[in-house]
C-alpha atoms as a PDB file:
ATOM      1  CA  UNK A   1     -15.339  14.911  10.787  1.00  0.00           C
ATOM      2  CA  UNK A   2     -13.663  15.451  14.152  1.00  0.00           C
ATOM      3  CA  UNK A   3      -9.977  16.430  14.573  1.00  0.00           C
ATOM      4  CA  UNK A   4      -9.521  13.216  16.628  1.00  0.00           C
ATOM      5  CA  UNK A   5     -11.030  11.122  13.716  1.00  0.00           C
ATOM      6  CA  UNK A   6      -8.949  12.856  11.168  1.00  0.00           C
ATOM      7  CA  UNK A   7      -5.904  12.119  13.224  1.00  0.00           C
ATOM      8  CA  UNK A   8      -6.889   8.460  13.428  1.00  0.00           C
ATOM      9  CA  UNK A   9      -7.563   8.162   9.729  1.00  0.00           C
ATOM     10  CA  UNK A  10      -4.255   9.882   8.915  1.00  0.00           C
ATOM     11  CA  UNK A  11      -2.541   7.224  11.165  1.00  0.00           C
ATOM     12  CA  UNK A  12      -4.215   4.569   9.162  1.00  0.00           C
ATOM     13  CA  UNK A  13      -2.883   6.207   5.884  1.00  0.00           C
ATOM     14  CA  UNK A  14       0.488   5.658   7.425  1.00  0.00           C
ATOM     15  CA  UNK A  15      -0.226   2.048   8.400  1.00  0.00           C
ATOM     16  CA  UNK A  16      -1.610   1.185   4.932  1.00  0.00           C
ATOM     17  CA  UNK A  17       1.587   2.697   3.270  1.00  0.00           C
ATOM     18  CA  UNK A  18       3.861   0.750   5.629  1.00  0.00           C
ATOM     19  CA  UNK A  19       1.728  -2.387   4.777  1.00  0.00           C
ATOM     20  CA  UNK A  20       2.659  -1.685   1.107  1.00  0.00           C
ATOM     21  CA  UNK A  21       6.247  -1.507   1.921  1.00  0.00           C
ATOM     22  CA  UNK A  22       6.106  -4.716   3.942  1.00  0.00           C
ATOM     23  CA  UNK A  23       4.503  -6.548   0.987  1.00  0.00           C
ATOM     24  CA  UNK A  24       7.002  -5.150  -1.495  1.00  0.00           C
ATOM     25  CA  UNK A  25       9.897  -6.271   0.762  1.00  0.00           C
ATOM     26  CA  UNK A  26       8.330  -9.747   0.961  1.00  0.00           C
ATOM     27  CA  UNK A  27       7.861  -9.702  -2.924  1.00  0.00           C
ATOM     28  CA  UNK A  28      11.578  -9.051  -3.458  1.00  0.00           C
ATOM     29  CA  UNK A  29      12.505 -11.815  -1.017  1.00  0.00           C
ATOM     30  CA  UNK A  30      10.438 -14.139  -3.059  1.00  0.00           C
ATOM     31  CA  UNK A  31      12.235 -12.908  -6.288  1.00  0.00           C
ATOM     32  CA  UNK A  32      15.446 -13.665  -4.476  1.00  0.00           C
ATOM     33  CA  UNK A  33      14.155 -17.218  -4.063  1.00  0.00           C
ATOM     34  CA  UNK A  34      13.368 -17.444  -7.701  1.00  0.00           C
ATOM     35  CA  UNK A  35       9.619 -17.779  -6.917  1.00  0.00           C
ATOM     36  CA  UNK A  36       8.399 -15.077  -9.301  1.00  0.00           C
ATOM     37  CA  UNK A  37       4.721 -15.807  -9.065  1.00  0.00           C
ATOM     38  CA  UNK A  38       4.810 -15.564  -5.203  1.00  0.00           C
ATOM     39  CA  UNK A  39       6.449 -12.361  -5.722  1.00  0.00           C
ATOM     40  CA  UNK A  40       3.777 -11.179  -8.105  1.00  0.00           C
ATOM     41  CA  UNK A  41       1.145 -11.994  -5.442  1.00  0.00           C
ATOM     42  CA  UNK A  42       3.015  -9.821  -2.963  1.00  0.00           C
ATOM     43  CA  UNK A  43       3.547  -7.023  -5.452  1.00  0.00           C
ATOM     44  CA  UNK A  44      -0.138  -7.039  -6.173  1.00  0.00           C
ATOM     45  CA  UNK A  45      -0.809  -6.963  -2.345  1.00  0.00           C
ATOM     46  CA  UNK A  46       1.477  -4.002  -2.107  1.00  0.00           C
ATOM     47  CA  UNK A  47      -0.393  -2.185  -4.727  1.00  0.00           C
ATOM     48  CA  UNK A  48      -3.640  -2.846  -3.031  1.00  0.00           C
ATOM     49  CA  UNK A  49      -2.332  -1.329   0.154  1.00  0.00           C
ATOM     50  CA  UNK A  50      -1.464   1.828  -1.675  1.00  0.00           C
ATOM     51  CA  UNK A  51      -4.985   2.026  -3.077  1.00  0.00           C
ATOM     52  CA  UNK A  52      -6.299   1.517   0.585  1.00  0.00           C
ATOM     53  CA  UNK A  53      -4.201   4.329   1.820  1.00  0.00           C
ATOM     54  CA  UNK A  54      -5.383   6.611  -1.182  1.00  0.00           C
ATOM     55  CA  UNK A  55      -9.056   5.779  -0.197  1.00  0.00           C
ATOM     56  CA  UNK A  56      -8.450   6.976   3.256  1.00  0.00           C
ATOM     57  CA  UNK A  57      -6.750  10.212   1.966  1.00  0.00           C
ATOM     58  CA  UNK A  58      -9.518  10.805  -0.501  1.00  0.00           C
ATOM     59  CA  UNK A  59     -12.113  10.379   2.262  1.00  0.00           C
ATOM     60  CA  UNK A  60     -10.250  12.926   4.436  1.00  0.00           C
ATOM     61  CA  UNK A  61     -10.100  15.376   1.524  1.00  0.00           C
ATOM     62  CA  UNK A  62     -13.807  14.872   0.950  1.00  0.00           C
ATOM     63  CA  UNK A  63     -14.547  15.572   4.610  1.00  0.00           C
ATOM     64  CA  UNK A  64     -12.590  18.757   4.422  1.00  0.00           C
ATOM     65  CA  UNK A  65      -9.788  17.305   6.551  1.00  0.00           C
ATOM     66  CA  UNK A  66      -5.968  17.662   5.976  1.00  0.00           C
ATOM     67  CA  UNK A  67      -4.083  14.734   4.742  1.00  0.00           C
ATOM     68  CA  UNK A  68      -0.830  14.528   6.834  1.00  0.00           C
ATOM     69  CA  UNK A  69       1.713  12.065   5.406  1.00  0.00           C
ATOM     70  CA  UNK A  70       4.389  10.989   7.970  1.00  0.00           C
ATOM     71  CA  UNK A  71       7.451   8.883   7.903  1.00  0.00           C
ATOM     72  CA  UNK A  72       7.236   5.236   7.786  1.00  0.00           C
ATOM     73  CA  UNK A  73       9.648   2.745   9.106  1.00  0.00           C
ATOM     74  CA  UNK A  74      11.714   0.433   6.897  1.00  0.00           C
ATOM     75  CA  UNK A  75      10.224  -2.996   6.781  1.00  0.00           C
ATOM     76  CA  UNK A  76      11.923  -6.399   7.464  1.00  0.00           C
ATOM     77  CA  UNK A  77      13.871  -7.671   4.485  1.00  0.00           C
ATOM     78  CA  UNK A  78      15.720 -10.728   5.956  1.00  0.00           C
ATOM     79  CA  UNK A  79      13.239 -13.663   5.609  1.00  0.00           C
ATOM     80  CA  UNK A  80      14.506 -17.206   6.197  1.00  0.00           C
ATOM     81  CA  UNK A  81      11.778 -18.996   3.910  1.00  0.00           C
ATOM     82  CA  UNK A  82       8.613 -18.588   2.013  1.00  0.00           C
ATOM     83  CA  UNK A  83       6.748 -20.028   4.985  1.00  0.00           C
ATOM     84  CA  UNK A  84       7.957 -17.520   7.341  1.00  0.00           C
ATOM     85  CA  UNK A  85       6.921 -14.599   4.924  1.00  0.00           C
ATOM     86  CA  UNK A  86       3.403 -16.085   4.629  1.00  0.00           C
ATOM     87  CA  UNK A  87       3.065 -16.443   8.386  1.00  0.00           C
ATOM     88  CA  UNK A  88       4.131 -12.802   8.802  1.00  0.00           C
ATOM     89  CA  UNK A  89       1.649 -11.644   6.168  1.00  0.00           C
ATOM     90  CA  UNK A  90      -1.308 -13.469   7.971  1.00  0.00           C
ATOM     91  CA  UNK A  91      -0.316 -11.865  11.254  1.00  0.00           C
ATOM     92  CA  UNK A  92       0.055  -8.599   9.646  1.00  0.00           C
ATOM     93  CA  UNK A  93      -3.445  -8.743   8.122  1.00  0.00           C
ATOM     94  CA  UNK A  94      -4.812  -9.675  11.539  1.00  0.00           C
ATOM     95  CA  UNK A  95      -2.993  -6.695  13.053  1.00  0.00           C
ATOM     96  CA  UNK A  96      -4.545  -4.416  10.267  1.00  0.00           C
ATOM     97  CA  UNK A  97      -7.814  -5.924  10.815  1.00  0.00           C
ATOM     98  CA  UNK A  98      -7.764  -4.934  14.540  1.00  0.00           C
ATOM     99  CA  UNK A  99      -6.729  -1.364  13.379  1.00  0.00           C
ATOM    100  CA  UNK A 100      -9.773  -1.220  11.118  1.00  0.00           C
ATOM    101  CA  UNK A 101     -12.077  -2.424  13.859  1.00  0.00           C
ATOM    102  CA  UNK A 102     -10.686   0.056  16.375  1.00  0.00           C
ATOM    103  CA  UNK A 103     -11.287   2.941  13.790  1.00  0.00           C
ATOM    104  CA  UNK A 104     -14.815   1.613  13.374  1.00  0.00           C
ATOM    105  CA  UNK A 105     -15.367   1.588  17.094  1.00  0.00           C
ATOM    106  CA  UNK A 106     -13.996   5.134  17.465  1.00  0.00           C
ATOM    107  CA  UNK A 107     -16.331   6.314  14.727  1.00  0.00           C
ATOM    108  CA  UNK A 108     -19.335   4.485  16.371  1.00  0.00           C
ATOM    109  CA  UNK A 109     -18.456   6.171  19.753  1.00  0.00           C
ATOM    110  CA  UNK A 110     -18.354   9.511  18.192  1.00  0.00           C
ATOM    111  CA  UNK A 111     -21.643   8.962  16.223  1.00  0.00           C
ATOM    112  CA  UNK A 112     -19.820   9.671  13.080  1.00  0.00           C
ATOM    113  CA  UNK A 113     -22.180   7.910  10.596  1.00  0.00           C
ATOM    114  CA  UNK A 114     -20.290   9.025   7.466  1.00  0.00           C
ATOM    115  CA  UNK A 115     -17.127   7.408   8.628  1.00  0.00           C
ATOM    116  CA  UNK A 116     -18.779   4.348   9.806  1.00  0.00           C
ATOM    117  CA  UNK A 117     -20.359   3.811   6.333  1.00  0.00           C
ATOM    118  CA  UNK A 118     -16.881   4.565   4.719  1.00  0.00           C
ATOM    119  CA  UNK A 119     -15.120   2.100   7.086  1.00  0.00           C
ATOM    120  CA  UNK A 120     -17.622  -0.849   6.324  1.00  0.00           C
ATOM    121  CA  UNK A 121     -15.936  -1.408   3.084  1.00  0.00           C
ATOM    122  CA  UNK A 122     -12.555  -1.881   4.958  1.00  0.00           C
ATOM    123  CA  UNK A 123     -14.260  -4.212   7.576  1.00  0.00           C
ATOM    124  CA  UNK A 124     -15.493  -6.346   4.565  1.00  0.00           C
ATOM    125  CA  UNK A 125     -12.023  -6.106   2.828  1.00  0.00           C
ATOM    126  CA  UNK A 126     -10.262  -7.390   5.745  1.00  0.00           C
ATOM    127  CA  UNK A 127     -12.188 -10.619   5.838  1.00  0.00           C
ATOM    128  CA  UNK A 128     -10.922 -11.233   2.327  1.00  0.00           C
ATOM    129  CA  UNK A 129      -7.490 -10.074   3.106  1.00  0.00           C
ATOM    130  CA  UNK A 130      -7.082 -12.430   6.055  1.00  0.00           C
ATOM    131  CA  UNK A 131      -8.730 -15.254   4.058  1.00  0.00           C
ATOM    132  CA  UNK A 132      -6.367 -15.024   1.120  1.00  0.00           C
ATOM    133  CA  UNK A 133      -3.155 -14.774   3.088  1.00  0.00           C
ATOM    134  CA  UNK A 134      -4.194 -17.578   5.237  1.00  0.00           C
ATOM    135  CA  UNK A 135      -4.994 -19.686   2.143  1.00  0.00           C
ATOM    136  CA  UNK A 136      -1.562 -18.874   0.647  1.00  0.00           C
ATOM    137  CA  UNK A 137       0.152 -19.844   4.076  1.00  0.00           C
ATOM    138  CA  UNK A 138      -1.737 -23.105   4.260  1.00  0.00           C
ATOM    139  CA  UNK A 139      -0.722 -24.108   0.808  1.00  0.00           C
ATOM    140  CA  UNK A 140       2.954 -23.279   1.504  1.00  0.00           C
ATOM    141  CA  UNK A 141       2.727 -25.376   4.721  1.00  0.00           C
ATOM    142  CA  UNK A 142       1.460 -28.338   2.561  1.00  0.00           C
ATOM    143  CA  UNK A 143       4.496 -27.983   0.202  1.00  0.00           C
ATOM    144  CA  UNK A 144       7.427 -29.865   1.782  1.00  0.00           C
ATOM    145  CA  UNK A 145       9.857 -29.941  -1.067  1.00  0.00           C
ATOM    146  CA  UNK A 146      11.185 -27.389  -3.454  1.00  0.00           C
ATOM    147  CA  UNK A 147       9.455 -29.168  -6.240  1.00  0.00           C
ATOM    148  CA  UNK A 148       6.148 -28.892  -4.528  1.00  0.00           C
ATOM    149  CA  UNK A 149       6.716 -25.098  -3.934  1.00  0.00           C
ATOM    150  CA  UNK A 150       7.232 -24.821  -7.625  1.00  0.00           C
ATOM    151  CA  UNK A 151       4.101 -26.743  -8.388  1.00  0.00           C
ATOM    152  CA  UNK A 152       2.225 -24.355  -6.068  1.00  0.00           C
ATOM    153  CA  UNK A 153       3.211 -21.385  -8.220  1.00  0.00           C
ATOM    154  CA  UNK A 154       0.565 -22.475 -10.820  1.00  0.00           C
ATOM    155  CA  UNK A 155      -2.238 -22.206  -8.155  1.00  0.00           C
ATOM    156  CA  UNK A 156      -0.830 -18.949  -6.850  1.00  0.00           C
ATOM    157  CA  UNK A 157      -0.915 -17.663 -10.479  1.00  0.00           C
ATOM    158  CA  UNK A 158      -4.604 -18.512 -10.673  1.00  0.00           C
ATOM    159  CA  UNK A 159      -5.125 -16.626  -7.336  1.00  0.00           C
ATOM    160  CA  UNK A 160      -3.359 -13.538  -8.640  1.00  0.00           C
ATOM    161  CA  UNK A 161      -5.161 -13.609 -11.926  1.00  0.00           C
ATOM    162  CA  UNK A 162      -8.575 -13.929 -10.111  1.00  0.00           C
ATOM    163  CA  UNK A 163      -7.770 -10.749  -8.214  1.00  0.00           C
ATOM    164  CA  UNK A 164      -7.030  -8.731 -11.302  1.00  0.00           C
END
């Protein structure tokens, strides 16, 4: 693996870890709103992002490259509503998708077949990530009253359990 590609993958480790912090902050905001099932969805999302960071790190180790952990910024913690949180989650997943696509393009340009193969899983994963966050946002947009949001928690519970 080239030094340039290793540096890009190390940057992605930072981005995946930052994603975990973003989702954890969102989860705590939902807990503050007494929407514990929405919180559980975002806690689970946070854990998945840590798993993604670990996959990148393990790949670097397997390729004989150094894992370089760097400082991550603090995430936003002051959300006005559940809808705002979900909108931000969708936009964040679109941003991460672009990052993954940029990594794939860089590996393709380098002719790095091993990294291309490794990244294919993430390309596919991002399709699911954008779809699930978009589904959550669309459901929240439909709920116009606090009672409807509480009713949504049952559906979100099923979404969380199907990802277990």
